[in-house]
C-alpha atoms as a PDB file:
ATOM      1  CA  UNK A   1      65.245  48.809  93.594  1.00  0.00           C
ATOM      2  CA  UNK A   2      68.682  50.404  93.776  1.00  0.00           C
ATOM      3  CA  UNK A   3      67.320  53.293  95.826  1.00  0.00           C
ATOM      4  CA  UNK A   4      65.671  50.845  98.232  1.00  0.00           C
ATOM      5  CA  UNK A   5      68.929  48.928  98.741  1.00  0.00           C
ATOM      6  CA  UNK A   6      70.884  52.102  99.209  1.00  0.00           C
ATOM      7  CA  UNK A   7      68.462  53.331 101.789  1.00  0.00           C
ATOM      8  CA  UNK A   8      68.775  50.030 103.737  1.00  0.00           C
ATOM      9  CA  UNK A   9      72.587  50.203 103.609  1.00  0.00           C
ATOM     10  CA  UNK A  10      72.511  53.792 104.836  1.00  0.00           C
ATOM     11  CA  UNK A  11      70.237  52.822 107.755  1.00  0.00           C
ATOM     12  CA  UNK A  12      72.463  49.906 108.693  1.00  0.00           C
ATOM     13  CA  UNK A  13      75.560  52.114 108.541  1.00  0.00           C
ATOM     14  CA  UNK A  14      73.925  54.747 110.786  1.00  0.00           C
ATOM     15  CA  UNK A  15      72.875  52.064 113.309  1.00  0.00           C
ATOM     16  CA  UNK A  16      76.400  50.591 113.433  1.00  0.00           C
ATOM     17  CA  UNK A  17      77.895  54.035 113.842  1.00  0.00           C
ATOM     18  CA  UNK A  18      75.524  54.817 116.718  1.00  0.00           C
ATOM     19  CA  UNK A  19      76.450  51.548 118.411  1.00  0.00           C
ATOM     20  CA  UNK A  20      80.134  52.178 118.050  1.00  0.00           C
ATOM     21  CA  UNK A  21      79.820  55.707 119.464  1.00  0.00           C
ATOM     22  CA  UNK A  22      77.655  54.507 122.372  1.00  0.00           C
ATOM     23  CA  UNK A  23      80.129  51.755 123.201  1.00  0.00           C
ATOM     24  CA  UNK A  24      83.027  54.218 122.971  1.00  0.00           C
ATOM     25  CA  UNK A  25      81.210  56.640 125.258  1.00  0.00           C
ATOM     26  CA  UNK A  26      80.417  53.858 127.701  1.00  0.00           C
ATOM     27  CA  UNK A  27      84.044  52.684 127.814  1.00  0.00           C
ATOM     28  CA  UNK A  28      85.244  56.262 128.147  1.00  0.00           C
ATOM     29  CA  UNK A  29      83.018  56.746 131.159  1.00  0.00           C
ATOM     30  CA  UNK A  30      84.206  53.472 132.613  1.00  0.00           C
ATOM     31  CA  UNK A  31      87.814  54.618 132.514  1.00  0.00           C
ATOM     32  CA  UNK A  32      86.701  57.570 134.661  1.00  0.00           C
ATOM     33  CA  UNK A  33      85.234  55.265 137.255  1.00  0.00           C
ATOM     34  CA  UNK A  34      88.146  55.587 139.615  1.00  0.00           C
ATOM     35  CA  UNK A  35      88.413  56.111 143.357  1.00  0.00           C
ATOM     36  CA  UNK A  36      91.256  58.317 144.541  1.00  0.00           C
ATOM     37  CA  UNK A  37      92.315  57.741 148.111  1.00  0.00           C
ATOM     38  CA  UNK A  38      95.176  58.630 150.441  1.00  0.00           C
ATOM     39  CA  UNK A  39      96.308  56.268 153.195  1.00  0.00           C
ATOM     40  CA  UNK A  40      98.427  57.117 156.237  1.00  0.00           C
ATOM     41  CA  UNK A  41     101.089  55.073 157.889  1.00  0.00           C
ATOM     42  CA  UNK A  42     102.167  56.280 161.373  1.00  0.00           C
ATOM     43  CA  UNK A  43     104.565  54.831 163.920  1.00  0.00           C
ATOM     44  CA  UNK A  44     106.004  55.977 167.234  1.00  0.00           C
ATOM     45  CA  UNK A  45     109.534  54.721 167.992  1.00  0.00           C
ATOM     46  CA  UNK A  46     112.505  55.307 170.287  1.00  0.00           C
ATOM     47  CA  UNK A  47     115.958  56.112 168.914  1.00  0.00           C
ATOM     48  CA  UNK A  48     118.546  53.428 169.418  1.00  0.00           C
ATOM     49  CA  UNK A  49     121.685  55.383 168.441  1.00  0.00           C
ATOM     50  CA  UNK A  50     123.115  58.543 169.874  1.00  0.00           C
ATOM     51  CA  UNK A  51     125.819  60.850 168.485  1.00  0.00           C
ATOM     52  CA  UNK A  52     127.172  63.393 170.918  1.00  0.00           C
ATOM     53  CA  UNK A  53     130.150  65.728 170.553  1.00  0.00           C
ATOM     54  CA  UNK A  54     131.882  68.501 172.387  1.00  0.00           C
ATOM     55  CA  UNK A  55     134.826  70.805 171.768  1.00  0.00           C
ATOM     56  CA  UNK A  56     137.712  72.019 173.955  1.00  0.00           C
ATOM     57  CA  UNK A  57     140.063  74.932 173.471  1.00  0.00           C
ATOM     58  CA  UNK A  58     143.473  76.086 174.522  1.00  0.00           C
ATOM     59  CA  UNK A  59     145.139  79.420 173.758  1.00  0.00           C
ATOM     60  CA  UNK A  60     148.722  80.438 174.243  1.00  0.00           C
ATOM     61  CA  UNK A  61     151.315  82.763 172.760  1.00  0.00           C
ATOM     62  CA  UNK A  62     153.493  79.722 172.060  1.00  0.00           C
ATOM     63  CA  UNK A  63     152.170  77.052 169.663  1.00  0.00           C
ATOM     64  CA  UNK A  64     153.907  74.232 171.373  1.00  0.00           C
ATOM     65  CA  UNK A  65     152.649  75.213 174.801  1.00  0.00           C
ATOM     66  CA  UNK A  66     149.084  75.510 173.478  1.00  0.00           C
ATOM     67  CA  UNK A  67     149.377  72.057 171.883  1.00  0.00           C
ATOM     68  CA  UNK A  68     150.789  70.485 175.076  1.00  0.00           C
ATOM     69  CA  UNK A  69     147.976  71.945 177.103  1.00  0.00           C
ATOM     70  CA  UNK A  70     145.377  70.733 174.577  1.00  0.00           C
ATOM     71  CA  UNK A  71     146.916  67.261 174.596  1.00  0.00           C
ATOM     72  CA  UNK A  72     146.677  67.171 178.412  1.00  0.00           C
ATOM     73  CA  UNK A  73     142.993  68.149 178.139  1.00  0.00           C
ATOM     74  CA  UNK A  74     142.402  65.408 175.589  1.00  0.00           C
ATOM     75  CA  UNK A  75     143.784  62.805 177.994  1.00  0.00           C
ATOM     76  CA  UNK A  76     141.706  64.085 180.904  1.00  0.00           C
ATOM     77  CA  UNK A  77     138.539  64.030 178.699  1.00  0.00           C
ATOM     78  CA  UNK A  78     139.186  60.515 177.542  1.00  0.00           C
ATOM     79  CA  UNK A  79     139.822  59.284 181.019  1.00  0.00           C
ATOM     80  CA  UNK A  80     136.708  61.071 182.311  1.00  0.00           C
ATOM     81  CA  UNK A  81     134.545  59.401 179.639  1.00  0.00           C
ATOM     82  CA  UNK A  82     136.054  55.934 180.224  1.00  0.00           C
ATOM     83  CA  UNK A  83     135.403  56.340 183.954  1.00  0.00           C
ATOM     84  CA  UNK A  84     131.792  57.103 183.112  1.00  0.00           C
ATOM     85  CA  UNK A  85     131.506  53.778 181.302  1.00  0.00           C
ATOM     86  CA  UNK A  86     132.083  54.887 177.717  1.00  0.00           C
ATOM     87  CA  UNK A  87     133.900  52.333 175.608  1.00  0.00           C
ATOM     88  CA  UNK A  88     137.288  53.645 174.402  1.00  0.00           C
ATOM     89  CA  UNK A  89     136.494  52.533 170.845  1.00  0.00           C
ATOM     90  CA  UNK A  90     133.515  54.860 170.806  1.00  0.00           C
ATOM     91  CA  UNK A  91     135.587  57.943 171.591  1.00  0.00           C
ATOM     92  CA  UNK A  92     136.897  59.783 168.482  1.00  0.00           C
ATOM     93  CA  UNK A  93     139.019  62.888 168.487  1.00  0.00           C
ATOM     94  CA  UNK A  94     139.275  65.044 165.362  1.00  0.00           C
ATOM     95  CA  UNK A  95     142.428  66.684 164.067  1.00  0.00           C
ATOM     96  CA  UNK A  96     143.514  69.877 165.918  1.00  0.00           C
ATOM     97  CA  UNK A  97     142.400  73.196 164.339  1.00  0.00           C
ATOM     98  CA  UNK A  98     144.971  75.957 164.734  1.00  0.00           C
ATOM     99  CA  UNK A  99     143.884  79.598 164.543  1.00  0.00           C
ATOM    100  CA  UNK A 100     146.323  82.498 164.787  1.00  0.00           C
ATOM    101  CA  UNK A 101     144.421  85.278 166.559  1.00  0.00           C
ATOM    102  CA  UNK A 102     144.994  89.034 166.506  1.00  0.00           C
ATOM    103  CA  UNK A 103     143.708  92.059 168.396  1.00  0.00           C
ATOM    104  CA  UNK A 104     142.843  95.088 166.324  1.00  0.00           C
ATOM    105  CA  UNK A 105     143.136  98.782 167.264  1.00  0.00           C
ATOM    106  CA  UNK A 106     142.851 102.172 165.613  1.00  0.00           C
ATOM    107  CA  UNK A 107     144.975 105.243 166.063  1.00  0.00           C
ATOM    108  CA  UNK A 108     143.686 108.837 166.117  1.00  0.00           C
ATOM    109  CA  UNK A 109     143.776 109.064 162.349  1.00  0.00           C
ATOM    110  CA  UNK A 110     141.656 105.923 162.047  1.00  0.00           C
ATOM    111  CA  UNK A 111     144.461 103.718 160.804  1.00  0.00           C
ATOM    112  CA  UNK A 112     144.012 100.080 161.807  1.00  0.00           C
ATOM    113  CA  UNK A 113     146.770  98.002 163.330  1.00  0.00           C
ATOM    114  CA  UNK A 114     146.867  94.423 164.515  1.00  0.00           C
ATOM    115  CA  UNK A 115     148.724  92.687 167.259  1.00  0.00           C
ATOM    116  CA  UNK A 116     149.243  88.935 167.488  1.00  0.00           C
ATOM    117  CA  UNK A 117     147.410  87.699 170.590  1.00  0.00           C
ATOM    118  CA  UNK A 118     148.220  84.018 170.496  1.00  0.00           C
ATOM    119  CA  UNK A 119     147.458  80.627 168.944  1.00  0.00           C
ATOM    120  CA  UNK A 120     143.979  79.206 169.640  1.00  0.00           C
ATOM    121  CA  UNK A 121     143.835  75.439 169.232  1.00  0.00           C
ATOM    122  CA  UNK A 122     140.467  73.569 169.013  1.00  0.00           C
ATOM    123  CA  UNK A 123     139.625  69.901 169.013  1.00  0.00           C
ATOM    124  CA  UNK A 124     136.318  68.006 168.889  1.00  0.00           C
ATOM    125  CA  UNK A 125     135.566  64.755 170.569  1.00  0.00           C
ATOM    126  CA  UNK A 126     132.634  62.657 169.267  1.00  0.00           C
ATOM    127  CA  UNK A 127     130.912  59.612 170.688  1.00  0.00           C
ATOM    128  CA  UNK A 128     128.608  57.343 168.658  1.00  0.00           C
ATOM    129  CA  UNK A 129     126.906  54.650 170.714  1.00  0.00           C
ATOM    130  CA  UNK A 130     123.864  52.415 171.019  1.00  0.00           C
ATOM    131  CA  UNK A 131     123.897  52.966 174.795  1.00  0.00           C
ATOM    132  CA  UNK A 132     121.617  55.956 174.460  1.00  0.00           C
ATOM    133  CA  UNK A 133     120.698  56.531 178.057  1.00  0.00           C
ATOM    134  CA  UNK A 134     124.293  56.254 179.258  1.00  0.00           C
ATOM    135  CA  UNK A 135     125.681  58.748 176.777  1.00  0.00           C
ATOM    136  CA  UNK A 136     122.685  61.056 177.300  1.00  0.00           C
ATOM    137  CA  UNK A 137     123.534  61.136 181.013  1.00  0.00           C
ATOM    138  CA  UNK A 138     127.251  61.739 180.302  1.00  0.00           C
ATOM    139  CA  UNK A 139     126.374  64.653 178.067  1.00  0.00           C
ATOM    140  CA  UNK A 140     124.551  66.301 180.970  1.00  0.00           C
ATOM    141  CA  UNK A 141     127.327  65.735 183.509  1.00  0.00           C
ATOM    142  CA  UNK A 142     130.290  66.642 181.267  1.00  0.00           C
ATOM    143  CA  UNK A 143     130.428  70.142 182.695  1.00  0.00           C
ATOM    144  CA  UNK A 144     132.233  68.494 185.567  1.00  0.00           C
ATOM    145  CA  UNK A 145     135.286  68.796 183.341  1.00  0.00           C
ATOM    146  CA  UNK A 146     135.246  72.559 183.841  1.00  0.00           C
ATOM    147  CA  UNK A 147     136.098  71.970 187.457  1.00  0.00           C
ATOM    148  CA  UNK A 148     139.185  70.159 186.223  1.00  0.00           C
ATOM    149  CA  UNK A 149     140.302  73.239 184.294  1.00  0.00           C
ATOM    150  CA  UNK A 150     139.180  72.031 180.853  1.00  0.00           C
ATOM    151  CA  UNK A 151     137.441  74.647 178.661  1.00  0.00           C
ATOM    152  CA  UNK A 152     134.782  72.238 177.288  1.00  0.00           C
ATOM    153  CA  UNK A 153     131.717  73.074 175.188  1.00  0.00           C
ATOM    154  CA  UNK A 154     129.066  70.446 174.915  1.00  0.00           C
ATOM    155  CA  UNK A 155     126.727  70.173 171.904  1.00  0.00           C
ATOM    156  CA  UNK A 156     123.176  68.750 172.141  1.00  0.00           C
ATOM    157  CA  UNK A 157     123.032  64.972 171.458  1.00  0.00           C
ATOM    158  CA  UNK A 158     121.702  63.805 168.061  1.00  0.00           C
ATOM    159  CA  UNK A 159     119.410  60.756 167.975  1.00  0.00           C
ATOM    160  CA  UNK A 160     119.002  58.237 165.182  1.00  0.00           C
ATOM    161  CA  UNK A 161     117.284  54.855 164.546  1.00  0.00           C
ATOM    162  CA  UNK A 162     119.197  51.997 162.945  1.00  0.00           C
ATOM    163  CA  UNK A 163     116.058  50.128 161.944  1.00  0.00           C
ATOM    164  CA  UNK A 164     114.787  52.971 159.719  1.00  0.00           C
ATOM    165  CA  UNK A 165     114.809  50.922 156.450  1.00  0.00           C
ATOM    166  CA  UNK A 166     112.652  48.151 157.951  1.00  0.00           C
ATOM    167  CA  UNK A 167     110.379  50.689 159.577  1.00  0.00           C
ATOM    168  CA  UNK A 168     109.781  52.410 156.211  1.00  0.00           C
ATOM    169  CA  UNK A 169     108.704  49.096 154.623  1.00  0.00           C
ATOM    170  CA  UNK A 170     106.243  48.404 157.490  1.00  0.00           C
ATOM    171  CA  UNK A 171     104.823  51.886 157.231  1.00  0.00           C
ATOM    172  CA  UNK A 172     104.355  51.749 153.462  1.00  0.00           C
ATOM    173  CA  UNK A 173     102.382  48.515 153.915  1.00  0.00           C
ATOM    174  CA  UNK A 174     100.283  50.142 156.683  1.00  0.00           C
ATOM    175  CA  UNK A 175      99.547  53.261 154.618  1.00  0.00           C
ATOM    176  CA  UNK A 176      98.616  51.098 151.561  1.00  0.00           C
ATOM    177  CA  UNK A 177      96.204  48.998 153.670  1.00  0.00           C
ATOM    178  CA  UNK A 178      94.768  52.148 155.166  1.00  0.00           C
ATOM    179  CA  UNK A 179      94.119  53.513 151.664  1.00  0.00           C
ATOM    180  CA  UNK A 180      92.531  50.236 150.512  1.00  0.00           C
ATOM    181  CA  UNK A 181      90.184  50.267 153.458  1.00  0.00           C
ATOM    182  CA  UNK A 182      89.154  53.823 152.712  1.00  0.00           C
ATOM    183  CA  UNK A 183      88.497  52.947 149.085  1.00  0.00           C
ATOM    184  CA  UNK A 184      86.405  49.922 150.029  1.00  0.00           C
ATOM    185  CA  UNK A 185      84.345  52.067 152.365  1.00  0.00           C
ATOM    186  CA  UNK A 186      83.731  54.691 149.658  1.00  0.00           C
ATOM    187  CA  UNK A 187      82.734  52.036 147.184  1.00  0.00           C
ATOM    188  CA  UNK A 188      80.498  50.265 149.642  1.00  0.00           C
ATOM    189  CA  UNK A 189      78.625  53.474 150.476  1.00  0.00           C
ATOM    190  CA  UNK A 190      78.127  53.981 146.726  1.00  0.00           C
ATOM    191  CA  UNK A 191      76.752  50.464 146.142  1.00  0.00           C
ATOM    192  CA  UNK A 192      79.861  49.362 144.259  1.00  0.00           C
ATOM    193  CA  UNK A 193      83.093  47.506 144.840  1.00  0.00           C
ATOM    194  CA  UNK A 194      86.735  48.386 144.119  1.00  0.00           C
ATOM    195  CA  UNK A 195      88.522  46.831 141.242  1.00  0.00           C
ATOM    196  CA  UNK A 196      92.170  46.578 140.287  1.00  0.00           C
ATOM    197  CA  UNK A 197      94.747  49.059 141.547  1.00  0.00           C
ATOM    198  CA  UNK A 198      95.366  51.606 138.760  1.00  0.00           C
ATOM    199  CA  UNK A 199      97.952  53.875 140.307  1.00  0.00           C
ATOM    200  CA  UNK A 200     100.106  54.145 143.419  1.00  0.00           C
ATOM    201  CA  UNK A 201     102.474  56.868 144.582  1.00  0.00           C
ATOM    202  CA  UNK A 202     104.392  57.139 147.854  1.00  0.00           C
ATOM    203  CA  UNK A 203     104.457  60.385 149.744  1.00  0.00           C
ATOM    204  CA  UNK A 204     107.358  61.975 151.646  1.00  0.00           C
ATOM    205  CA  UNK A 205     108.714  60.229 154.693  1.00  0.00           C
ATOM    206  CA  UNK A 206     108.499  62.493 157.770  1.00  0.00           C
ATOM    207  CA  UNK A 207     110.106  62.096 161.199  1.00  0.00           C
ATOM    208  CA  UNK A 208     109.170  64.542 163.961  1.00  0.00           C
ATOM    209  CA  UNK A 209     109.398  64.624 167.769  1.00  0.00           C
ATOM    210  CA  UNK A 210     106.647  62.822 169.548  1.00  0.00           C
ATOM    211  CA  UNK A 211     103.756  64.946 170.856  1.00  0.00           C
ATOM    212  CA  UNK A 212     105.165  68.065 169.191  1.00  0.00           C
ATOM    213  CA  UNK A 213     103.743  70.736 166.887  1.00  0.00           C
ATOM    214  CA  UNK A 214     106.791  70.348 164.624  1.00  0.00           C
ATOM    215  CA  UNK A 215     105.791  71.056 161.062  1.00  0.00           C
ATOM    216  CA  UNK A 216     106.175  68.831 157.984  1.00  0.00           C
ATOM    217  CA  UNK A 217     108.153  69.967 154.926  1.00  0.00           C
ATOM    218  CA  UNK A 218     107.791  69.260 151.218  1.00  0.00           C
ATOM    219  CA  UNK A 219     111.229  67.719 151.137  1.00  0.00           C
ATOM    220  CA  UNK A 220     110.657  65.651 154.303  1.00  0.00           C
ATOM    221  CA  UNK A 221     111.453  66.290 157.953  1.00  0.00           C
ATOM    222  CA  UNK A 222     114.077  64.352 159.749  1.00  0.00           C
ATOM    223  CA  UNK A 223     114.241  65.203 163.486  1.00  0.00           C
ATOM    224  CA  UNK A 224     117.491  64.307 165.228  1.00  0.00           C
ATOM    225  CA  UNK A 225     117.105  66.403 168.390  1.00  0.00           C
ATOM    226  CA  UNK A 226     114.502  64.162 170.103  1.00  0.00           C
ATOM    227  CA  UNK A 227     114.941  60.624 171.373  1.00  0.00           C
ATOM    228  CA  UNK A 228     111.225  59.812 171.069  1.00  0.00           C
ATOM    229  CA  UNK A 229     110.018  60.228 167.513  1.00  0.00           C
ATOM    230  CA  UNK A 230     106.957  59.759 165.291  1.00  0.00           C
ATOM    231  CA  UNK A 231     107.297  58.729 161.669  1.00  0.00           C
ATOM    232  CA  UNK A 232     104.577  59.176 159.077  1.00  0.00           C
ATOM    233  CA  UNK A 233     104.209  58.385 155.384  1.00  0.00           C
ATOM    234  CA  UNK A 234     101.328  58.642 152.885  1.00  0.00           C
ATOM    235  CA  UNK A 235     100.294  56.472 149.965  1.00  0.00           C
ATOM    236  CA  UNK A 236      98.097  57.850 147.161  1.00  0.00           C
ATOM    237  CA  UNK A 237      96.181  55.038 145.407  1.00  0.00           C
ATOM    238  CA  UNK A 238      93.676  54.905 142.601  1.00  0.00           C
ATOM    239  CA  UNK A 239      91.298  51.910 142.292  1.00  0.00           C
ATOM    240  CA  UNK A 240      88.902  51.027 139.503  1.00  0.00           C
ATOM    241  CA  UNK A 241      85.217  50.539 140.331  1.00  0.00           C
ATOM    242  CA  UNK A 242      83.282  47.346 139.581  1.00  0.00           C
END
């Protein structure tokens, strides 16, 4: 009798163990039922802020004379910009940089000697404005200052967008929706449906010039040389399957 009962208990134990293992295996497979998708958010936009700068130089054997000449150039540059419609409050001049310059020569024995050649004074003017088209035009015409005797060097304008924070939020939403639609399509073609979102990770925000072959970078690209830009961002999502 005892042997009969023991056999029954062993059989029941085996059946329970098999059921537990089967359920564990089933649940393990269920956790692997995940769809991995990547969504893209993309938006073209036009910069609404321009930063443009240029430098001007004067050189003279006497420091005071060089400074007086540079000061005169500064006044002419400011007046020129104001005449072009630039607001005085947008015109910023940096501190003057003074560089003592020398000319070097060698004698027949190869010994070097230096001769003081004068003081070179440099100053930079910068304009930051939301009147992008106006400042862009000024940056192209500023060489007119050369005809006034000003040694002026213009730098390429830099373009920015003040609504970047809001744009990022919109693009994240767009990329997330794009990823969801992709997941739904994959599940539909497989005869299933997507479940809860299991994982989400935002990619790198990239800004490049519109209609360009400018490459992306792992750390993110932030183009400032083009007024017309294209921003992109990706969202990597994982959905469960029902």
